Structures are given as C-alpha cells and as structure tokens.
Amino acid sequence: MSDEDGIDFAIIELLFFAYRDFTSDPDQILADYGFGRAHHRVLHFVNRRPGLTVAELLDVLKITKQSLARVLKQLIDTDHVVQLQGPRDRRQRELYPTARGRALALALARPQSRRIHAALEDSGITERTLVERFLEAMVDPELRAQIDLGSAKMSGKNHGEH
C-alpha cells in the first residue's frame, strides 16, 4: 500500500494509464468508422461468443437497453452484426458477427494483443496465469462466471458464421 489511508494510488494510477494506452490503438481504428468504445465492447463479445443474446450482452456490459440499442443499430446498419430470432424462444434475439464484423473485431484485438505480449516481455513476467488470476480477482466474485462468456467453446453454442 502507498500514500494516505492505505489507498494504493500507485496501482490505481497504473491501471488508469494502462487502460488509456490499451484502448488508444482501437480508438484510432474505431474513429475511422465513426464508432466508439461501446461499439468495441459489443463487437468484442459478439465476436467471441456468436449467438450471444441481447439479454446476455446487456448483463455482461452492464448498460441500459437504450444505450445498447443505439450502438447495436449502428453495428447492424453497417453490416458488422446480424440479429436473428432465437430458435427455441422467438422473443430472444441472438447476435452474430458478419465477416465484416469479425474482421473489424480482429483488427481491434491485434494491437491490444501486441501490447499485452510486449508488456509481459518487458516486465519479465513469464507466468501469464499470474496476470490472468490478478485481473480475474479484480472482477466482482458474483460476476466472474461472465468471464467464460468470452469463448464460444465454453458457451456450448456452436453456430456457423453469419
């Protein structure tokens, strides 16, 4: 701990700076499309878990329906995401990346992945599981199950590309 009252300002500040730089490369790419970070988050999770329902996405992102509706409409209108009626429940809307959406999601992830690999190398951390455990521990315990939502393999859904 550092500074006053046991507040770890050093780590807090490092997280702010790391987040700023971690998002800077995708922000530049997103600007070319007229998109922002909300579009990035939606596209990331839709790409990582094809077939994710709107309700599941709302739960993961912790945003309002109104906020999601605006962003989702733009992603659908620009052919980055498609929304299909659920096969078991017609009220559910499942989300899938289009080929264009997948390409953009990967273009956004590449510089972030390069930054992660460079940071691991520069820091001398050879056990990436330590970093993963730390970041997972930063997530509220009751919400940690959502971390598995990032992988189509883990969701049990195996839909084709749309």
N, C-alpha and C. Protein backbone atom coordinates (compact mmCIF):
# COMPACT_ATOMS: atom_id res chain seq x y z
N MET A 1 0.84 -1.19 0.00
CA MET A 1 0.00 0.00 0.00
C MET A 1 0.88 1.25 0.00
N SER A 2 0.30 2.31 -0.46
CA SER A 2 1.08 3.55 -0.51
C SER A 2 0.18 4.73 -0.17
N ASP A 3 0.81 5.85 -0.01
CA ASP A 3 0.15 7.12 0.25
C ASP A 3 -0.73 7.08 1.49
N GLU A 4 -1.77 7.88 1.49
CA GLU A 4 -2.57 8.09 2.70
C GLU A 4 -3.69 7.07 2.86
N ASP A 5 -4.01 6.78 4.09
CA ASP A 5 -5.15 5.94 4.45
C ASP A 5 -5.14 4.57 3.78
N GLY A 6 -3.96 4.05 3.48
CA GLY A 6 -3.88 2.71 2.89
C GLY A 6 -4.40 2.62 1.47
N ILE A 7 -4.57 3.74 0.81
CA ILE A 7 -5.05 3.74 -0.58
C ILE A 7 -3.86 3.51 -1.49
N ASP A 8 -3.99 2.57 -2.37
CA ASP A 8 -2.88 2.22 -3.28
C ASP A 8 -2.95 3.06 -4.54
N PHE A 9 -2.61 4.34 -4.39
CA PHE A 9 -2.67 5.27 -5.52
C PHE A 9 -1.76 4.84 -6.67
N ALA A 10 -0.64 4.23 -6.36
CA ALA A 10 0.31 3.83 -7.42
C ALA A 10 -0.34 2.82 -8.37
N ILE A 11 -0.98 1.79 -7.82
CA ILE A 11 -1.63 0.78 -8.67
C ILE A 11 -2.84 1.38 -9.37
N ILE A 12 -3.61 2.18 -8.66
CA ILE A 12 -4.78 2.83 -9.27
C ILE A 12 -4.34 3.65 -10.48
N GLU A 13 -3.29 4.43 -10.29
CA GLU A 13 -2.81 5.27 -11.38
C GLU A 13 -2.27 4.42 -12.54
N LEU A 14 -1.55 3.35 -12.22
CA LEU A 14 -1.05 2.47 -13.27
C LEU A 14 -2.20 1.86 -14.07
N LEU A 15 -3.28 1.49 -13.39
CA LEU A 15 -4.44 0.95 -14.09
C LEU A 15 -5.06 1.99 -15.02
N PHE A 16 -5.15 3.23 -14.55
CA PHE A 16 -5.67 4.30 -15.42
C PHE A 16 -4.82 4.46 -16.67
N PHE A 17 -3.50 4.55 -16.48
CA PHE A 17 -2.60 4.74 -17.62
C PHE A 17 -2.60 3.53 -18.55
N ALA A 18 -2.60 2.33 -17.96
CA ALA A 18 -2.61 1.11 -18.78
C ALA A 18 -3.89 1.04 -19.61
N TYR A 19 -5.03 1.36 -18.99
CA TYR A 19 -6.30 1.34 -19.72
C TYR A 19 -6.30 2.37 -20.85
N ARG A 20 -5.78 3.57 -20.55
CA ARG A 20 -5.72 4.62 -21.57
C ARG A 20 -4.95 4.13 -22.80
N ASP A 21 -3.79 3.55 -22.57
CA ASP A 21 -2.96 3.13 -23.69
C ASP A 21 -3.49 1.84 -24.33
N PHE A 22 -4.07 0.96 -23.54
CA PHE A 22 -4.64 -0.29 -24.05
C PHE A 22 -5.78 -0.01 -25.04
N THR A 23 -6.52 1.06 -24.79
CA THR A 23 -7.66 1.40 -25.65
C THR A 23 -7.30 2.38 -26.76
N SER A 24 -6.11 2.97 -26.72
CA SER A 24 -5.77 4.02 -27.69
C SER A 24 -5.69 3.52 -29.12
N ASP A 25 -5.08 2.36 -29.35
CA ASP A 25 -4.98 1.84 -30.73
C ASP A 25 -6.35 1.52 -31.31
N PRO A 26 -7.18 0.76 -30.59
CA PRO A 26 -8.53 0.51 -31.12
C PRO A 26 -9.34 1.79 -31.30
N ASP A 27 -9.16 2.76 -30.40
CA ASP A 27 -9.89 4.03 -30.53
C ASP A 27 -9.61 4.69 -31.88
N GLN A 28 -8.36 4.65 -32.32
CA GLN A 28 -8.00 5.25 -33.61
C GLN A 28 -8.68 4.51 -34.76
N ILE A 29 -8.72 3.20 -34.68
CA ILE A 29 -9.37 2.40 -35.73
C ILE A 29 -10.87 2.67 -35.72
N LEU A 30 -11.46 2.68 -34.53
CA LEU A 30 -12.90 2.90 -34.40
C LEU A 30 -13.32 4.26 -34.95
N ALA A 31 -12.47 5.26 -34.76
CA ALA A 31 -12.78 6.62 -35.23
C ALA A 31 -12.97 6.64 -36.75
N ASP A 32 -12.24 5.80 -37.46
CA ASP A 32 -12.39 5.73 -38.92
C ASP A 32 -13.79 5.26 -39.34
N TYR A 33 -14.47 4.57 -38.45
CA TYR A 33 -15.82 4.05 -38.72
C TYR A 33 -16.90 4.92 -38.09
N GLY A 34 -16.49 5.92 -37.32
CA GLY A 34 -17.45 6.72 -36.58
C GLY A 34 -17.97 5.98 -35.36
N PHE A 35 -17.21 5.00 -34.90
CA PHE A 35 -17.59 4.19 -33.74
C PHE A 35 -16.78 4.61 -32.52
N GLY A 36 -17.24 4.17 -31.36
CA GLY A 36 -16.55 4.44 -30.10
C GLY A 36 -16.34 3.16 -29.31
N ARG A 37 -15.96 3.33 -28.06
CA ARG A 37 -15.65 2.18 -27.20
C ARG A 37 -16.84 1.27 -26.95
N ALA A 38 -18.03 1.82 -26.93
CA ALA A 38 -19.22 0.98 -26.74
C ALA A 38 -19.35 0.00 -27.91
N HIS A 39 -19.09 0.48 -29.11
CA HIS A 39 -19.13 -0.39 -30.30
C HIS A 39 -18.08 -1.49 -30.17
N HIS A 40 -16.91 -1.11 -29.67
CA HIS A 40 -15.82 -2.07 -29.50
C HIS A 40 -16.24 -3.18 -28.54
N ARG A 41 -16.81 -2.81 -27.41
CA ARG A 41 -17.21 -3.81 -26.41
C ARG A 41 -18.27 -4.75 -26.98
N VAL A 42 -19.26 -4.20 -27.65
CA VAL A 42 -20.31 -5.03 -28.24
C VAL A 42 -19.71 -5.97 -29.27
N LEU A 43 -18.92 -5.43 -30.16
CA LEU A 43 -18.32 -6.24 -31.22
C LEU A 43 -17.40 -7.31 -30.65
N HIS A 44 -16.66 -6.98 -29.60
CA HIS A 44 -15.77 -7.96 -28.98
C HIS A 44 -16.56 -9.17 -28.48
N PHE A 45 -17.60 -8.92 -27.70
CA PHE A 45 -18.34 -10.04 -27.10
C PHE A 45 -19.18 -10.79 -28.13
N VAL A 46 -19.73 -10.11 -29.10
CA VAL A 46 -20.49 -10.79 -30.16
C VAL A 46 -19.54 -11.67 -30.98
N ASN A 47 -18.35 -11.19 -31.24
CA ASN A 47 -17.38 -11.97 -31.99
C ASN A 47 -16.86 -13.16 -31.19
N ARG A 48 -16.63 -12.96 -29.90
CA ARG A 48 -16.10 -14.03 -29.06
C ARG A 48 -17.13 -15.09 -28.73
N ARG A 49 -18.41 -14.70 -28.75
CA ARG A 49 -19.47 -15.65 -28.43
C ARG A 49 -20.63 -15.50 -29.40
N PRO A 50 -20.46 -15.98 -30.61
CA PRO A 50 -21.56 -15.90 -31.58
C PRO A 50 -22.82 -16.56 -31.03
N GLY A 51 -23.95 -15.90 -31.21
CA GLY A 51 -25.20 -16.43 -30.69
C GLY A 51 -25.56 -15.85 -29.33
N LEU A 52 -24.71 -15.00 -28.80
CA LEU A 52 -24.99 -14.31 -27.55
C LEU A 52 -26.31 -13.57 -27.70
N THR A 53 -27.17 -13.69 -26.71
CA THR A 53 -28.46 -12.99 -26.81
C THR A 53 -28.29 -11.54 -26.35
N VAL A 54 -29.23 -10.73 -26.76
CA VAL A 54 -29.22 -9.32 -26.35
C VAL A 54 -29.27 -9.24 -24.82
N ALA A 55 -30.09 -10.07 -24.19
CA ALA A 55 -30.20 -10.07 -22.72
C ALA A 55 -28.87 -10.43 -22.06
N GLU A 56 -28.18 -11.44 -22.61
CA GLU A 56 -26.87 -11.83 -22.07
C GLU A 56 -25.86 -10.70 -22.24
N LEU A 57 -25.89 -10.05 -23.38
CA LEU A 57 -24.97 -8.95 -23.64
C LEU A 57 -25.23 -7.78 -22.69
N LEU A 58 -26.48 -7.47 -22.45
CA LEU A 58 -26.82 -6.41 -21.50
C LEU A 58 -26.27 -6.74 -20.12
N ASP A 59 -26.38 -8.00 -19.73
CA ASP A 59 -25.89 -8.44 -18.42
C ASP A 59 -24.37 -8.33 -18.33
N VAL A 60 -23.67 -8.69 -19.38
CA VAL A 60 -22.21 -8.62 -19.38
C VAL A 60 -21.73 -7.17 -19.37
N LEU A 61 -22.31 -6.34 -20.20
CA LEU A 61 -21.84 -4.96 -20.35
C LEU A 61 -22.34 -4.03 -19.25
N LYS A 62 -23.41 -4.42 -18.57
CA LYS A 62 -23.99 -3.58 -17.51
C LYS A 62 -24.34 -2.19 -18.04
N ILE A 63 -25.05 -2.18 -19.18
CA ILE A 63 -25.52 -0.92 -19.75
C ILE A 63 -27.03 -1.01 -19.93
N THR A 64 -27.65 0.12 -20.22
CA THR A 64 -29.10 0.14 -20.40
C THR A 64 -29.47 -0.39 -21.79
N LYS A 65 -30.71 -0.83 -21.90
CA LYS A 65 -31.22 -1.28 -23.21
C LYS A 65 -31.12 -0.15 -24.23
N GLN A 66 -31.41 1.05 -23.78
CA GLN A 66 -31.38 2.21 -24.67
C GLN A 66 -29.97 2.45 -25.22
N SER A 67 -28.97 2.36 -24.35
CA SER A 67 -27.58 2.55 -24.80
C SER A 67 -27.18 1.46 -25.78
N LEU A 68 -27.54 0.22 -25.47
CA LEU A 68 -27.19 -0.89 -26.36
C LEU A 68 -27.93 -0.77 -27.68
N ALA A 69 -29.18 -0.38 -27.64
CA ALA A 69 -29.99 -0.30 -28.87
C ALA A 69 -29.36 0.64 -29.90
N ARG A 70 -28.87 1.78 -29.46
CA ARG A 70 -28.26 2.74 -30.37
C ARG A 70 -27.00 2.16 -31.01
N VAL A 71 -26.13 1.58 -30.19
CA VAL A 71 -24.87 1.01 -30.67
C VAL A 71 -25.13 -0.19 -31.57
N LEU A 72 -26.03 -1.06 -31.15
CA LEU A 72 -26.35 -2.26 -31.91
C LEU A 72 -26.95 -1.91 -33.27
N LYS A 73 -27.82 -0.91 -33.29
CA LYS A 73 -28.41 -0.47 -34.56
C LYS A 73 -27.33 -0.03 -35.54
N GLN A 74 -26.36 0.72 -35.05
CA GLN A 74 -25.27 1.17 -35.93
C GLN A 74 -24.45 -0.01 -36.44
N LEU A 75 -24.17 -0.98 -35.58
CA LEU A 75 -23.39 -2.14 -36.00
C LEU A 75 -24.16 -3.01 -36.99
N ILE A 76 -25.47 -3.09 -36.82
CA ILE A 76 -26.31 -3.85 -37.75
C ILE A 76 -26.43 -3.10 -39.08
N ASP A 77 -26.69 -1.79 -39.01
CA ASP A 77 -26.84 -0.98 -40.22
C ASP A 77 -25.58 -0.95 -41.07
N THR A 78 -24.42 -1.10 -40.45
CA THR A 78 -23.15 -1.06 -41.18
C THR A 78 -22.63 -2.47 -41.50
N ASP A 79 -23.49 -3.47 -41.32
CA ASP A 79 -23.17 -4.86 -41.66
C ASP A 79 -21.98 -5.42 -40.88
N HIS A 80 -21.92 -5.10 -39.58
CA HIS A 80 -20.90 -5.69 -38.71
C HIS A 80 -21.50 -6.78 -37.83
N VAL A 81 -22.81 -6.69 -37.57
CA VAL A 81 -23.51 -7.64 -36.71
C VAL A 81 -24.86 -7.95 -37.34
N VAL A 82 -25.29 -9.20 -37.19
CA VAL A 82 -26.66 -9.56 -37.56
C VAL A 82 -27.38 -10.03 -36.30
N GLN A 83 -28.67 -9.78 -36.30
CA GLN A 83 -29.53 -10.15 -35.17
C GLN A 83 -30.57 -11.13 -35.70
N LEU A 84 -30.60 -12.32 -35.11
CA LEU A 84 -31.54 -13.35 -35.55
C LEU A 84 -32.45 -13.76 -34.41
N GLN A 85 -33.64 -14.19 -34.77
CA GLN A 85 -34.59 -14.69 -33.78
C GLN A 85 -34.06 -15.99 -33.20
N GLY A 86 -34.20 -16.15 -31.89
CA GLY A 86 -33.74 -17.38 -31.24
C GLY A 86 -34.52 -18.58 -31.74
N PRO A 87 -33.84 -19.73 -31.96
CA PRO A 87 -34.53 -20.91 -32.49
C PRO A 87 -35.50 -21.54 -31.49
N ARG A 88 -35.20 -21.43 -30.20
CA ARG A 88 -36.07 -22.03 -29.18
C ARG A 88 -37.08 -21.03 -28.63
N ASP A 89 -36.67 -19.79 -28.54
CA ASP A 89 -37.55 -18.75 -27.99
C ASP A 89 -37.54 -17.58 -28.98
N ARG A 90 -38.66 -17.41 -29.65
CA ARG A 90 -38.75 -16.39 -30.71
C ARG A 90 -38.59 -14.97 -30.17
N ARG A 91 -38.76 -14.80 -28.87
CA ARG A 91 -38.58 -13.47 -28.28
C ARG A 91 -37.10 -13.12 -28.10
N GLN A 92 -36.27 -14.14 -28.02
CA GLN A 92 -34.83 -13.90 -27.87
C GLN A 92 -34.23 -13.46 -29.19
N ARG A 93 -33.28 -12.56 -29.09
CA ARG A 93 -32.56 -12.11 -30.29
C ARG A 93 -31.10 -12.48 -30.11
N GLU A 94 -30.61 -13.34 -31.00
CA GLU A 94 -29.22 -13.77 -30.96
C GLU A 94 -28.39 -12.89 -31.88
N LEU A 95 -27.17 -12.63 -31.45
CA LEU A 95 -26.28 -11.73 -32.19
C LEU A 95 -25.10 -12.50 -32.75
N TYR A 96 -24.76 -12.21 -34.00
CA TYR A 96 -23.65 -12.87 -34.68
C TYR A 96 -22.83 -11.81 -35.41
N PRO A 97 -21.50 -11.99 -35.44
CA PRO A 97 -20.71 -11.08 -36.26
C PRO A 97 -20.83 -11.48 -37.72
N THR A 98 -20.83 -10.51 -38.59
CA THR A 98 -20.73 -10.80 -40.02
C THR A 98 -19.23 -10.97 -40.32
N ALA A 99 -18.89 -11.33 -41.54
CA ALA A 99 -17.48 -11.43 -41.92
C ALA A 99 -16.80 -10.07 -41.71
N ARG A 100 -17.53 -9.01 -42.06
CA ARG A 100 -17.00 -7.65 -41.88
C ARG A 100 -16.81 -7.33 -40.39
N GLY A 101 -17.77 -7.74 -39.57
CA GLY A 101 -17.68 -7.51 -38.13
C GLY A 101 -16.54 -8.28 -37.50
N ARG A 102 -16.37 -9.53 -37.93
CA ARG A 102 -15.26 -10.34 -37.42
C ARG A 102 -13.93 -9.71 -37.81
N ALA A 103 -13.81 -9.24 -39.04
CA ALA A 103 -12.57 -8.61 -39.49
C ALA A 103 -12.26 -7.37 -38.64
N LEU A 104 -13.28 -6.57 -38.34
CA LEU A 104 -13.05 -5.38 -37.52
C LEU A 104 -12.69 -5.78 -36.09
N ALA A 105 -13.38 -6.77 -35.53
CA ALA A 105 -13.07 -7.22 -34.17
C ALA A 105 -11.62 -7.68 -34.07
N LEU A 106 -11.16 -8.41 -35.08
CA LEU A 106 -9.77 -8.87 -35.08
C LEU A 106 -8.80 -7.71 -35.27
N ALA A 107 -9.16 -6.76 -36.11
CA ALA A 107 -8.30 -5.58 -36.31
C ALA A 107 -8.16 -4.78 -35.02
N LEU A 108 -9.21 -4.75 -34.21
CA LEU A 108 -9.17 -4.05 -32.93
C LEU A 108 -8.38 -4.83 -31.89
N ALA A 109 -8.46 -6.16 -31.95
CA ALA A 109 -7.78 -7.01 -30.96
C ALA A 109 -6.28 -7.14 -31.22
N ARG A 110 -5.87 -7.08 -32.47
CA ARG A 110 -4.44 -7.29 -32.79
C ARG A 110 -3.51 -6.33 -32.06
N PRO A 111 -3.74 -5.01 -32.13
CA PRO A 111 -2.82 -4.12 -31.42
C PRO A 111 -2.89 -4.30 -29.90
N GLN A 112 -4.05 -4.66 -29.39
CA GLN A 112 -4.16 -4.91 -27.95
C GLN A 112 -3.37 -6.16 -27.57
N SER A 113 -3.45 -7.18 -28.41
CA SER A 113 -2.70 -8.40 -28.15
C SER A 113 -1.19 -8.14 -28.21
N ARG A 114 -0.78 -7.36 -29.20
CA ARG A 114 0.65 -7.00 -29.30
C ARG A 114 1.10 -6.24 -28.06
N ARG A 115 0.25 -5.34 -27.57
CA ARG A 115 0.60 -4.56 -26.37
C ARG A 115 0.71 -5.48 -25.16
N ILE A 116 -0.18 -6.44 -25.03
CA ILE A 116 -0.13 -7.39 -23.91
C ILE A 116 1.16 -8.20 -23.97
N HIS A 117 1.46 -8.75 -25.14
CA HIS A 117 2.67 -9.56 -25.28
C HIS A 117 3.93 -8.74 -24.99
N ALA A 118 3.97 -7.50 -25.48
CA ALA A 118 5.13 -6.63 -25.23
C ALA A 118 5.25 -6.31 -23.74
N ALA A 119 4.13 -6.05 -23.08
CA ALA A 119 4.16 -5.73 -21.65
C ALA A 119 4.62 -6.93 -20.84
N LEU A 120 4.16 -8.12 -21.20
CA LEU A 120 4.61 -9.33 -20.49
C LEU A 120 6.11 -9.50 -20.67
N GLU A 121 6.58 -9.30 -21.88
CA GLU A 121 8.01 -9.45 -22.16
C GLU A 121 8.83 -8.38 -21.44
N ASP A 122 8.38 -7.11 -21.54
CA ASP A 122 9.12 -6.01 -20.91
C ASP A 122 9.15 -6.12 -19.39
N SER A 123 8.10 -6.67 -18.81
CA SER A 123 8.03 -6.77 -17.35
C SER A 123 8.76 -7.99 -16.82
N GLY A 124 9.13 -8.89 -17.71
CA GLY A 124 9.81 -10.11 -17.27
C GLY A 124 8.87 -11.14 -16.69
N ILE A 125 7.58 -10.93 -16.84
CA ILE A 125 6.60 -11.90 -16.33
C ILE A 125 6.53 -13.06 -17.31
N THR A 126 6.88 -14.23 -16.83
CA THR A 126 6.84 -15.42 -17.69
C THR A 126 5.60 -16.26 -17.43
N GLU A 127 4.96 -16.03 -16.31
CA GLU A 127 3.74 -16.77 -15.97
C GLU A 127 2.52 -15.89 -16.22
N ARG A 128 2.00 -15.95 -17.43
CA ARG A 128 0.84 -15.12 -17.76
C ARG A 128 -0.36 -15.47 -16.89
N THR A 129 -0.39 -16.69 -16.33
CA THR A 129 -1.51 -17.07 -15.46
C THR A 129 -1.56 -16.18 -14.22
N LEU A 130 -0.41 -15.66 -13.78
CA LEU A 130 -0.42 -14.74 -12.64
C LEU A 130 -1.19 -13.47 -12.99
N VAL A 131 -0.96 -12.96 -14.18
CA VAL A 131 -1.67 -11.76 -14.64
C VAL A 131 -3.15 -12.07 -14.79
N GLU A 132 -3.46 -13.21 -15.39
CA GLU A 132 -4.87 -13.60 -15.56
C GLU A 132 -5.56 -13.73 -14.21
N ARG A 133 -4.90 -14.35 -13.24
CA ARG A 133 -5.51 -14.51 -11.91
C ARG A 133 -5.72 -13.16 -11.24
N PHE A 134 -4.75 -12.26 -11.38
CA PHE A 134 -4.89 -10.92 -10.80
C PHE A 134 -6.08 -10.20 -11.41
N LEU A 135 -6.16 -10.20 -12.74
CA LEU A 135 -7.26 -9.49 -13.40
C LEU A 135 -8.60 -10.13 -13.07
N GLU A 136 -8.65 -11.45 -13.02
CA GLU A 136 -9.90 -12.12 -12.65
C GLU A 136 -10.30 -11.76 -11.23
N ALA A 137 -9.33 -11.66 -10.33
CA ALA A 137 -9.62 -11.29 -8.94
C ALA A 137 -10.14 -9.86 -8.83
N MET A 138 -9.85 -9.02 -9.83
CA MET A 138 -10.36 -7.65 -9.84
C MET A 138 -11.85 -7.60 -10.17
N VAL A 139 -12.37 -8.67 -10.76
CA VAL A 139 -13.79 -8.74 -11.12
C VAL A 139 -14.59 -9.17 -9.89
N ASP A 140 -15.74 -8.55 -9.68
CA ASP A 140 -16.60 -8.93 -8.55
C ASP A 140 -16.83 -10.43 -8.57
N PRO A 141 -16.69 -11.09 -7.40
CA PRO A 141 -16.83 -12.56 -7.36
C PRO A 141 -18.12 -13.08 -7.98
N GLU A 142 -19.23 -12.39 -7.75
CA GLU A 142 -20.50 -12.88 -8.29
C GLU A 142 -20.61 -12.70 -9.80
N LEU A 143 -19.69 -11.96 -10.40
CA LEU A 143 -19.72 -11.73 -11.85
C LEU A 143 -18.63 -12.49 -12.60
N ARG A 144 -17.80 -13.22 -11.89
CA ARG A 144 -16.68 -13.90 -12.53
C ARG A 144 -17.11 -14.97 -13.52
N ALA A 145 -18.28 -15.54 -13.34
CA ALA A 145 -18.76 -16.55 -14.29
C ALA A 145 -18.91 -15.95 -15.68
N GLN A 146 -19.13 -14.65 -15.77
CA GLN A 146 -19.28 -14.00 -17.07
C GLN A 146 -17.98 -14.03 -17.88
N ILE A 147 -16.87 -14.18 -17.22
CA ILE A 147 -15.60 -14.21 -17.92
C ILE A 147 -15.60 -15.34 -18.94
N ASP A 148 -16.23 -16.44 -18.61
CA ASP A 148 -16.32 -17.57 -19.53
C ASP A 148 -17.18 -17.26 -20.74
N LEU A 149 -17.97 -16.20 -20.67
CA LEU A 149 -18.82 -15.85 -21.81
C LEU A 149 -18.00 -15.41 -23.01
N GLY A 150 -16.74 -15.13 -22.81
CA GLY A 150 -15.89 -14.66 -23.89
C GLY A 150 -15.52 -15.71 -24.90
N SER A 151 -15.81 -16.97 -24.64
CA SER A 151 -15.38 -18.02 -25.55
C SER A 151 -16.55 -18.84 -26.04
N ALA A 152 -16.67 -18.96 -27.35
CA ALA A 152 -17.75 -19.77 -27.93
C ALA A 152 -17.62 -21.21 -27.50
N LYS A 153 -16.39 -21.70 -27.34
CA LYS A 153 -16.18 -23.09 -26.92
C LYS A 153 -16.78 -23.32 -25.55
N MET A 154 -16.64 -22.34 -24.66
CA MET A 154 -17.11 -22.50 -23.30
C MET A 154 -18.62 -22.35 -23.19
N SER A 155 -19.24 -21.67 -24.15
CA SER A 155 -20.67 -21.42 -24.04
C SER A 155 -21.50 -22.63 -24.41
N GLY A 156 -20.89 -23.56 -25.14
CA GLY A 156 -21.65 -24.72 -25.59
C GLY A 156 -22.37 -24.47 -26.89
N LYS A 157 -22.37 -23.22 -27.36
CA LYS A 157 -23.01 -22.90 -28.63
C LYS A 157 -21.99 -23.09 -29.73
N ASN A 158 -22.42 -23.65 -30.83
CA ASN A 158 -21.51 -23.84 -31.95
C ASN A 158 -22.25 -23.50 -33.22
N HIS A 159 -22.37 -22.21 -33.48
CA HIS A 159 -23.10 -21.74 -34.64
C HIS A 159 -22.12 -21.42 -35.75
N GLY A 160 -22.57 -21.54 -36.97
CA GLY A 160 -21.74 -21.16 -38.11
C GLY A 160 -21.63 -19.66 -38.23
N GLU A 161 -20.71 -19.22 -39.08
CA GLU A 161 -20.52 -17.78 -39.29
C GLU A 161 -21.69 -17.22 -40.08
N HIS A 162 -22.13 -16.03 -39.69
CA HIS A 162 -23.23 -15.37 -40.39
C HIS A 162 -22.73 -14.13 -41.06
